[in-house]
Protein backbone atom coordinates (compact mmCIF):
# COMPACT_ATOMS: atom_id res chain seq x y z
CA MET A 1 52.26 68.80 81.70
CA ALA A 2 50.81 65.40 82.63
CA ASN A 3 50.85 64.07 86.19
CA ASP A 4 53.46 61.50 85.19
CA GLY A 5 56.02 64.25 84.50
CA THR A 6 55.67 64.19 80.70
CA ILE A 7 54.81 66.85 78.15
CA PRO A 8 53.74 66.69 74.49
CA ALA A 9 56.64 66.38 72.06
CA PRO A 10 57.48 69.72 70.36
CA ASP A 11 57.32 68.08 66.87
CA GLY A 12 53.52 67.81 67.08
CA SER A 13 53.59 64.02 66.73
CA GLY A 14 51.36 63.54 69.75
CA ARG A 15 54.06 61.62 71.60
CA GLN A 16 54.71 62.32 75.28
CA VAL A 17 58.28 63.07 76.32
CA LYS A 18 59.61 62.95 79.88
CA LEU A 19 60.94 66.11 81.52
CA ILE A 20 64.54 65.99 82.74
CA THR A 21 64.75 66.58 86.48
CA ALA A 22 67.64 67.48 88.76
CA ASP A 23 67.71 63.87 89.93
CA ASP A 24 68.14 62.79 86.31
CA VAL A 25 71.15 65.14 85.93
CA VAL A 26 72.74 63.82 89.14
CA ALA A 27 72.19 60.22 88.06
CA TYR A 28 73.70 60.95 84.66
CA LEU A 29 76.83 62.58 86.15
CA LYS A 30 77.28 59.65 88.55
CA ALA A 31 77.07 57.28 85.61
CA HIS A 32 79.54 59.38 83.57
CA LEU A 33 82.25 60.49 85.99
CA ASP A 34 84.46 61.64 83.12
CA PHE A 35 81.82 64.11 81.84
CA PHE A 36 83.71 67.28 82.82
CA ASP A 37 86.99 65.83 81.57
CA LYS A 38 85.41 65.40 78.14
CA ASN A 39 83.66 68.80 78.30
CA GLY A 40 86.40 71.12 79.51
CA GLU A 41 84.89 74.27 77.97
CA LEU A 42 81.65 73.78 79.90
CA ALA A 43 83.61 73.21 83.11
CA ALA A 44 85.54 76.43 82.50
CA GLU A 45 82.32 78.40 81.92
CA MET A 46 80.95 77.06 85.20
CA GLY A 47 84.13 78.05 87.02
CA ILE A 48 84.98 74.39 87.68
CA THR A 49 88.46 73.04 87.22
CA PRO A 50 88.11 69.32 87.87
CA ARG A 51 91.04 67.38 89.25
CA VAL A 52 91.26 63.63 88.92
CA GLN A 53 92.27 61.88 92.18
CA GLY A 54 92.04 58.36 90.87
CA PRO A 55 90.44 56.32 88.15
CA GLY A 56 87.22 58.12 87.29
CA VAL A 57 87.10 60.26 90.50
CA ILE A 58 86.81 64.04 90.14
CA ASP A 59 87.59 66.37 93.09
CA MET A 60 84.71 68.85 92.67
CA GLN A 61 85.09 70.11 96.24
CA GLN A 62 88.55 71.53 95.62
CA ALA A 63 87.36 73.30 92.49
CA ILE A 64 84.47 74.92 94.35
CA LEU A 65 86.70 75.90 97.29
CA LYS A 66 89.18 77.50 94.92
CA ARG A 67 86.42 79.58 93.36
CA LEU A 68 85.08 80.61 96.76
CA ARG A 69 88.55 81.64 97.94
CA GLY A 70 88.88 83.83 94.86
CA GLU A 71 85.56 85.50 95.58
CA ILE A 72 86.52 86.05 99.23
CA GLU A 73 89.82 87.66 98.22
CA LYS A 74 87.97 89.93 95.81
CA LEU A 75 85.60 91.01 98.58
CA LYS A 76 88.55 91.70 100.90
CA VAL A 77 90.17 93.94 98.28
CA GLU A 78 86.90 95.81 97.71
CA ARG A 79 86.41 96.28 101.46
CA THR A 80 89.96 97.63 101.82
CA GLU A 81 89.36 100.10 98.99
CA ILE A 82 86.08 101.28 100.54
CA ILE A 83 87.73 101.84 103.92
CA ALA A 84 90.65 103.69 102.32
CA ASN A 85 88.31 105.91 100.31
CA SER A 86 86.23 106.66 103.41
CA LYS A 87 89.33 107.69 105.35
CA GLN A 88 90.53 109.87 102.46
CA ASN A 89 87.12 111.54 102.19
CA GLN A 90 87.17 112.28 105.90
CA ILE A 91 90.63 113.83 105.60
CA VAL A 92 89.47 116.07 102.75
CA GLN A 93 86.37 117.12 104.71
CA ASN A 94 88.50 118.02 107.73
CA ARG A 95 90.79 120.13 105.53
CA ILE A 96 87.86 121.97 103.96
CA GLN A 97 86.41 122.67 107.41
CA ALA A 98 89.75 124.08 108.56
CA ALA A 99 89.93 126.25 105.43
CA VAL A 100 86.42 127.62 106.02
CA ILE A 101 87.23 128.50 109.62
CA SER A 102 90.41 130.30 108.53
CA ILE A 103 88.50 132.35 105.95
CA ILE A 104 85.70 133.48 108.25
CA GLN A 105 88.05 134.19 111.17
CA ALA A 106 90.17 136.66 109.17
CA THR A 107 90.05 140.05 110.92
CA THR A 108 90.40 142.19 107.78
CA PHE A 109 89.63 141.85 104.08
CA GLU A 110 93.34 141.91 103.26
CA LYS A 111 94.00 139.20 105.84
CA MET A 112 91.28 137.05 104.29
CA ILE A 113 92.89 137.35 100.84
CA HIS A 114 96.24 136.44 102.39
CA VAL A 115 94.67 133.39 104.06
CA VAL A 116 93.26 132.16 100.75
CA THR A 117 96.40 132.64 98.68
CA HIS A 118 99.08 131.88 101.29
CA GLU A 119 97.65 129.69 104.06
CA LEU A 120 95.05 127.53 102.35
CA PRO A 121 97.57 125.75 100.09
CA GLU A 122 99.15 124.13 103.15
CA LEU A 123 95.80 123.47 104.83
CA LEU A 124 94.38 121.81 101.70
CA ASP A 125 97.62 120.14 100.63
CA VAL A 126 97.59 121.99 97.30
CA ASP A 127 100.67 123.51 95.68
CA PHE A 128 99.10 126.80 94.55
CA ILE A 129 95.89 128.74 95.20
CA THR A 130 95.25 132.07 93.51
CA MET A 131 92.30 134.32 92.84
CA ALA A 132 91.40 136.29 89.73
CA ILE A 133 88.65 138.73 88.82
CA GLU A 134 87.44 140.15 85.54
CA ALA A 135 87.75 143.88 85.00
CA ASN A 136 87.73 146.47 82.24
CA ALA A 137 90.04 145.97 79.30
CA ASP A 138 92.30 148.85 80.46
CA ALA A 139 92.62 147.54 84.03
CA PRO A 140 96.08 146.61 85.33
CA LYS A 141 97.19 143.01 84.85
CA ARG A 142 97.45 142.45 88.58
CA VAL A 143 96.37 144.08 91.80
CA PRO A 144 98.90 144.97 94.49
CA VAL A 145 98.22 141.73 96.34
CA ARG A 146 100.29 138.66 95.66
CA GLY A 147 98.25 135.79 94.29
CA VAL A 148 95.36 137.93 92.96
CA TYR A 149 95.11 138.68 89.24
CA VAL A 150 92.92 140.76 86.94
CA LEU A 151 91.41 139.13 83.87
CA ALA A 152 90.11 140.54 80.61
CA PRO A 153 86.31 140.69 80.25
CA GLY A 154 84.90 137.32 79.23
CA ALA A 155 88.03 135.40 80.24
CA ILE A 156 86.21 133.23 82.78
CA ASP A 157 83.43 132.17 80.40
CA ALA A 158 86.10 131.41 77.80
CA ALA A 159 88.03 129.22 80.25
CA ILE A 160 85.20 127.51 82.14
CA GLY A 161 82.26 127.85 79.78
CA PRO A 162 79.14 130.01 80.10
CA ASP A 163 76.90 129.06 83.03
CA LYS A 164 79.41 126.50 84.29
CA HIS A 165 80.82 126.63 87.81
CA ALA A 166 84.05 124.70 87.47
CA ARG A 167 86.76 123.43 85.16
CA LEU A 168 89.02 120.53 86.09
CA ARG A 169 92.04 119.51 84.00
CA SER A 170 94.90 117.05 84.24
CA ASP A 171 98.26 116.89 82.48
CA ILE A 172 98.18 120.52 81.30
CA VAL A 173 100.36 123.62 81.15
CA GLY A 174 99.21 126.28 83.62
CA GLU A 175 97.87 129.58 82.35
CA GLU A 176 99.71 132.73 83.41
CA ALA A 177 96.45 134.70 83.47
CA PHE A 178 95.26 132.59 86.42
CA PHE A 179 98.52 131.59 88.12
CA GLY A 180 100.98 134.34 87.26
CA ASP A 181 104.67 133.51 87.68
CA VAL A 182 104.03 130.00 89.02
CA ALA A 183 102.01 128.95 85.95
CA ARG A 184 105.01 127.07 84.54
CA PHE A 185 104.89 124.72 87.54
CA VAL A 186 101.14 123.97 87.26
CA LYS A 187 100.48 120.59 85.61
CA SER A 188 96.83 120.11 86.68
CA ASP A 189 94.30 122.65 87.87
CA VAL A 190 90.79 123.51 89.00
CA LEU A 191 88.98 126.79 88.40
CA MET A 192 85.95 127.49 90.62
CA ARG A 193 83.75 130.39 89.55
CA LEU A 194 83.10 133.09 92.17
CA GLN A 195 79.86 135.05 91.76
CA VAL A 196 80.20 137.54 94.58
CA SER A 197 77.49 140.01 93.59
CA SER A 198 75.05 140.71 90.80
CA GLY A 199 76.61 144.14 90.56
CA SER A 200 80.23 143.00 90.23
CA PRO A 201 82.14 140.90 87.68
CA ASP A 202 82.78 137.20 88.25
CA GLY A 203 85.98 135.91 89.72
CA VAL A 204 87.67 132.54 90.08
CA MET A 205 89.39 130.59 92.80
CA CYS A 206 92.24 128.69 91.16
CA PHE A 207 93.84 125.50 92.47
CA GLY A 208 97.08 124.35 90.84
CA ALA A 209 99.23 121.26 91.37
CA ARG A 210 102.65 120.14 90.21
CA ASP A 211 101.32 116.60 89.85
CA PRO A 212 99.71 116.17 86.40
CA GLU A 213 97.13 113.77 87.89
CA ALA A 214 96.30 115.64 91.12
CA PHE A 215 93.17 117.09 89.49
CA GLY A 216 91.07 115.77 86.63
CA PRO A 217 87.64 115.86 84.99
CA GLU A 218 86.38 112.87 87.03
CA MET A 219 87.09 114.47 90.41
CA ALA A 220 84.12 115.37 92.63
CA THR A 221 83.76 119.11 93.23
CA GLU A 222 81.11 119.27 95.97
CA LEU A 223 83.51 120.29 98.73
CA LEU A 224 85.37 122.80 96.56
CA PHE A 225 82.03 124.25 95.49
CA PHE A 226 81.09 124.62 99.17
CA LEU A 227 84.42 126.37 99.87
CA SER A 228 83.93 128.75 96.95
CA LYS A 229 80.43 129.64 98.22
CA VAL A 230 81.85 130.44 101.66
CA LEU A 231 84.45 132.68 100.03
CA GLU A 232 81.80 134.42 97.90
CA ASN A 233 79.68 135.25 100.93
CA THR A 234 82.65 136.39 103.00
CA ILE A 235 83.90 138.73 100.27
CA ARG A 236 80.35 140.10 99.83
CA ALA A 237 80.12 140.81 103.55
CA TRP A 238 83.51 142.53 103.73
CA LEU A 239 82.77 144.76 100.71
CA ASP A 240 79.13 145.32 101.72
CA LEU A 241 77.87 144.27 98.30
CA PRO A 242 74.33 143.23 97.35
CA GLU A 243 73.61 139.65 96.41
């Protein structure tokens, strides 16, 4: 580029052409006040909705203010959502902490099972919580504890998937194998694998809800995974099992 603000013409003719500057654009718009009226599509792309206040006068300030107000409202909505999500996350964390304390404070193994299947639903605001464990094919279909069920060998891998820790579903029909008599009321569920000991079969902690959208594949499972690990370790301690 030459010092006079020109560059060689792109057609190779050797001519020098002047670069357009911001001042040139401003001068052009001042000389053509109806530019955005005649180029409405460009104005729309730029987020400008010009308003004529008199012969040849465009109110650009109002257009810009309108756009800024829209952006401010969007930010307010986003901030409200962030605050609401933060409060909800804190509520869930408090519930999980209360559930953990209830599990580890149980004075007997039977009391701990009762806490999980009878008290945690209220603490966690879940309709149903059950437990199930795999056993031999000739084992009874349920143990003499309400809310605890016996599964056929391989049932957990078939439901969750091999080497997977959880399954989350929405808008479903509950499975009797995991929820027993209340399965007909379960419309969404979560199964969390329990690996209590290398010497014992896997189990599952089952969460069921009447609301078809209470649980779903997109839900985070970190806190439920933490709760299931606490339950694994507590059961292992009560039964004096190896890791």
